[in-house]
Amino acid sequence: MWWNFTLDLSFRAKRSGAWNLRHFLKTFTEIASSLRSSQ
């Protein structure tokens, strides 16, 4: 499920450190955009 994937990304971003946050936000935005366009 996509929310498990998002939680996993969030967990990994926290573990990897703040420097990874920008990449995480970019990925999350892309996921949200694809979800919105697929509806």
PDB file of N, CA and C in Angstrom:
ATOM      1  N   MET A   1       0.829  -1.203   0.000  1.00  0.00           N
ATOM      2  CA  MET A   1       0.000   0.000   0.000  1.00  0.00           C
ATOM      3  C   MET A   1       0.868   1.259   0.000  1.00  0.00           C
ATOM      4  N   TRP A   2       0.378   2.295  -0.665  1.00  0.00           N
ATOM      5  CA  TRP A   2       1.227   3.477  -0.864  1.00  0.00           C
ATOM      6  C   TRP A   2       1.561   4.178   0.440  1.00  0.00           C
ATOM      7  N   TRP A   3       0.663   4.091   1.450  1.00  0.00           N
ATOM      8  CA  TRP A   3       0.974   4.793   2.706  1.00  0.00           C
ATOM      9  C   TRP A   3       2.081   4.058   3.477  1.00  0.00           C
ATOM     10  N   ASN A   4       2.146   2.745   3.358  1.00  0.00           N
ATOM     11  CA  ASN A   4       3.272   2.007   3.949  1.00  0.00           C
ATOM     12  C   ASN A   4       4.584   2.412   3.279  1.00  0.00           C
ATOM     13  N   PHE A   5       4.527   2.586   1.965  1.00  0.00           N
ATOM     14  CA  PHE A   5       5.702   3.038   1.223  1.00  0.00           C
ATOM     15  C   PHE A   5       6.131   4.426   1.700  1.00  0.00           C
ATOM     16  N   THR A   6       5.152   5.303   1.918  1.00  0.00           N
ATOM     17  CA  THR A   6       5.439   6.664   2.396  1.00  0.00           C
ATOM     18  C   THR A   6       6.019   6.634   3.800  1.00  0.00           C
ATOM     19  N   LEU A   7       5.460   5.799   4.663  1.00  0.00           N
ATOM     20  CA  LEU A   7       5.994   5.674   6.022  1.00  0.00           C
ATOM     21  C   LEU A   7       7.421   5.155   5.992  1.00  0.00           C
ATOM     22  N   ASP A   8       7.678   4.196   5.112  1.00  0.00           N
ATOM     23  CA  ASP A   8       9.021   3.650   4.983  1.00  0.00           C
ATOM     24  C   ASP A   8      10.001   4.719   4.510  1.00  0.00           C
ATOM     25  N   LEU A   9       9.572   5.534   3.542  1.00  0.00           N
ATOM     26  CA  LEU A   9      10.415   6.640   3.086  1.00  0.00           C
ATOM     27  C   LEU A   9      10.684   7.624   4.204  1.00  0.00           C
ATOM     28  N   SER A  10       9.652   7.927   4.977  1.00  0.00           N
ATOM     29  CA  SER A  10       9.796   8.877   6.081  1.00  0.00           C
ATOM     30  C   SER A  10      10.782   8.345   7.112  1.00  0.00           C
ATOM     31  N   PHE A  11      10.645   7.058   7.446  1.00  0.00           N
ATOM     32  CA  PHE A  11      11.543   6.436   8.416  1.00  0.00           C
ATOM     33  C   PHE A  11      12.988   6.480   7.927  1.00  0.00           C
ATOM     34  N   ARG A  12      13.183   6.150   6.647  1.00  0.00           N
ATOM     35  CA  ARG A  12      14.534   6.141   6.097  1.00  0.00           C
ATOM     36  C   ARG A  12      15.119   7.552   6.031  1.00  0.00           C
ATOM     37  N   ALA A  13      14.277   8.529   5.716  1.00  0.00           N
ATOM     38  CA  ALA A  13      14.762   9.914   5.645  1.00  0.00           C
ATOM     39  C   ALA A  13      15.230  10.390   7.014  1.00  0.00           C
ATOM     40  N   LYS A  14      14.476  10.027   8.055  1.00  0.00           N
ATOM     41  CA  LYS A  14      14.877  10.411   9.407  1.00  0.00           C
ATOM     42  C   LYS A  14      16.182   9.727   9.799  1.00  0.00           C
ATOM     43  N   ARG A  15      16.314   8.449   9.446  1.00  0.00           N
ATOM     44  CA  ARG A  15      17.526   7.705   9.786  1.00  0.00           C
ATOM     45  C   ARG A  15      18.736   8.223   9.022  1.00  0.00           C
ATOM     46  N   SER A  16      18.509   8.656   7.794  1.00  0.00           N
ATOM     47  CA  SER A  16      19.625   9.078   6.950  1.00  0.00           C
ATOM     48  C   SER A  16      20.126  10.462   7.316  1.00  0.00           C
ATOM     49  N   GLY A  17      19.297  11.257   7.975  1.00  0.00           N
ATOM     50  CA  GLY A  17      19.728  12.585   8.387  1.00  0.00           C
ATOM     51  C   GLY A  17      19.044  13.687   7.603  1.00  0.00           C
ATOM     52  N   ALA A  18      19.206  14.899   8.120  1.00  0.00           N
ATOM     53  CA  ALA A  18      18.487  16.043   7.563  1.00  0.00           C
ATOM     54  C   ALA A  18      18.917  16.369   6.137  1.00  0.00           C
ATOM     55  N   TRP A  19      20.148  16.012   5.755  1.00  0.00           N
ATOM     56  CA  TRP A  19      20.625  16.330   4.409  1.00  0.00           C
ATOM     57  C   TRP A  19      19.804  15.623   3.333  1.00  0.00           C
ATOM     58  N   ASN A  20      19.124  14.535   3.730  1.00  0.00           N
ATOM     59  CA  ASN A  20      18.338  13.754   2.787  1.00  0.00           C
ATOM     60  C   ASN A  20      16.906  14.258   2.666  1.00  0.00           C
ATOM     61  N   LEU A  21      16.535  15.229   3.505  1.00  0.00           N
ATOM     62  CA  LEU A  21      15.142  15.666   3.591  1.00  0.00           C
ATOM     63  C   LEU A  21      14.651  16.258   2.273  1.00  0.00           C
ATOM     64  N   ARG A  22      15.514  16.999   1.611  1.00  0.00           N
ATOM     65  CA  ARG A  22      15.107  17.622   0.342  1.00  0.00           C
ATOM     66  C   ARG A  22      14.747  16.568  -0.689  1.00  0.00           C
ATOM     67  N   HIS A  23      15.556  15.517  -0.782  1.00  0.00           N
ATOM     68  CA  HIS A  23      15.267  14.431  -1.725  1.00  0.00           C
ATOM     69  C   HIS A  23      13.964  13.724  -1.355  1.00  0.00           C
ATOM     70  N   PHE A  24      13.745  13.519  -0.047  1.00  0.00           N
ATOM     71  CA  PHE A  24      12.517  12.885   0.414  1.00  0.00           C
ATOM     72  C   PHE A  24      11.296  13.717   0.038  1.00  0.00           C
ATOM     73  N   LEU A  25      11.378  15.016   0.263  1.00  0.00           N
ATOM     74  CA  LEU A  25      10.255  15.897  -0.075  1.00  0.00           C
ATOM     75  C   LEU A  25       9.985  15.896  -1.569  1.00  0.00           C
ATOM     76  N   LYS A  26      11.049  15.872  -2.370  1.00  0.00           N
ATOM     77  CA  LYS A  26      10.884  15.828  -3.818  1.00  0.00           C
ATOM     78  C   LYS A  26      10.184  14.537  -4.238  1.00  0.00           C
ATOM     79  N   THR A  27      10.616  13.422  -3.663  1.00  0.00           N
ATOM     80  CA  THR A  27      10.003  12.130  -3.970  1.00  0.00           C
ATOM     81  C   THR A  27       8.542  12.104  -3.547  1.00  0.00           C
ATOM     82  N   PHE A  28       8.275  12.620  -2.334  1.00  0.00           N
ATOM     83  CA  PHE A  28       6.907  12.644  -1.820  1.00  0.00           C
ATOM     84  C   PHE A  28       6.009  13.494  -2.713  1.00  0.00           C
ATOM     85  N   THR A  29       6.527  14.627  -3.176  1.00  0.00           N
ATOM     86  CA  THR A  29       5.760  15.502  -4.061  1.00  0.00           C
ATOM     87  C   THR A  29       5.435  14.797  -5.370  1.00  0.00           C
ATOM     88  N   GLU A  30       6.395  14.048  -5.897  1.00  0.00           N
ATOM     89  CA  GLU A  30       6.167  13.317  -7.140  1.00  0.00           C
ATOM     90  C   GLU A  30       5.112  12.229  -6.949  1.00  0.00           C
ATOM     91  N   ILE A  31       5.160  11.534  -5.802  1.00  0.00           N
ATOM     92  CA  ILE A  31       4.156  10.512  -5.502  1.00  0.00           C
ATOM     93  C   ILE A  31       2.780  11.148  -5.401  1.00  0.00           C
ATOM     94  N   ALA A  32       2.688  12.256  -4.681  1.00  0.00           N
ATOM     95  CA  ALA A  32       1.407  12.945  -4.519  1.00  0.00           C
ATOM     96  C   ALA A  32       0.863  13.417  -5.861  1.00  0.00           C
ATOM     97  N   SER A  33       1.737  13.918  -6.720  1.00  0.00           N
ATOM     98  CA  SER A  33       1.313  14.385  -8.037  1.00  0.00           C
ATOM     99  C   SER A  33       0.779  13.234  -8.885  1.00  0.00           C
ATOM    100  N   SER A  34       1.458  12.096  -8.852  1.00  0.00           N
ATOM    101  CA  SER A  34       1.012  10.954  -9.647  1.00  0.00           C
ATOM    102  C   SER A  34      -0.302  10.399  -9.110  1.00  0.00           C
ATOM    103  N   LEU A  35      -0.479  10.425  -7.783  1.00  0.00           N
ATOM    104  CA  LEU A  35      -1.737   9.980  -7.205  1.00  0.00           C
ATOM    105  C   LEU A  35      -2.872  10.893  -7.628  1.00  0.00           C
ATOM    106  N   ARG A  36      -2.611  12.196  -7.614  1.00  0.00           N
ATOM    107  CA  ARG A  36      -3.639  13.160  -7.962  1.00  0.00           C
ATOM    108  C   ARG A  36      -4.027  13.037  -9.434  1.00  0.00           C
ATOM    109  N   SER A  37      -3.037  12.843 -10.293  1.00  0.00           N
ATOM    110  CA  SER A  37      -3.318  12.784 -11.726  1.00  0.00           C
ATOM    111  C   SER A  37      -3.980  11.460 -12.113  1.00  0.00           C
ATOM    112  N   SER A  38      -3.807  10.423 -11.297  1.00  0.00           N
ATOM    113  CA  SER A  38      -4.395   9.123 -11.618  1.00  0.00           C
ATOM    114  C   SER A  38      -5.843   9.012 -11.172  1.00  0.00           C
ATOM    115  N   GLN A  39      -6.306   9.966 -10.392  1.00  0.00           N
ATOM    116  CA  GLN A  39      -7.690   9.908  -9.912  1.00  0.00           C
ATOM    117  C   GLN A  39      -8.665  10.400 -10.973  1.00  0.00           C
TER     118      GLN A  39
END
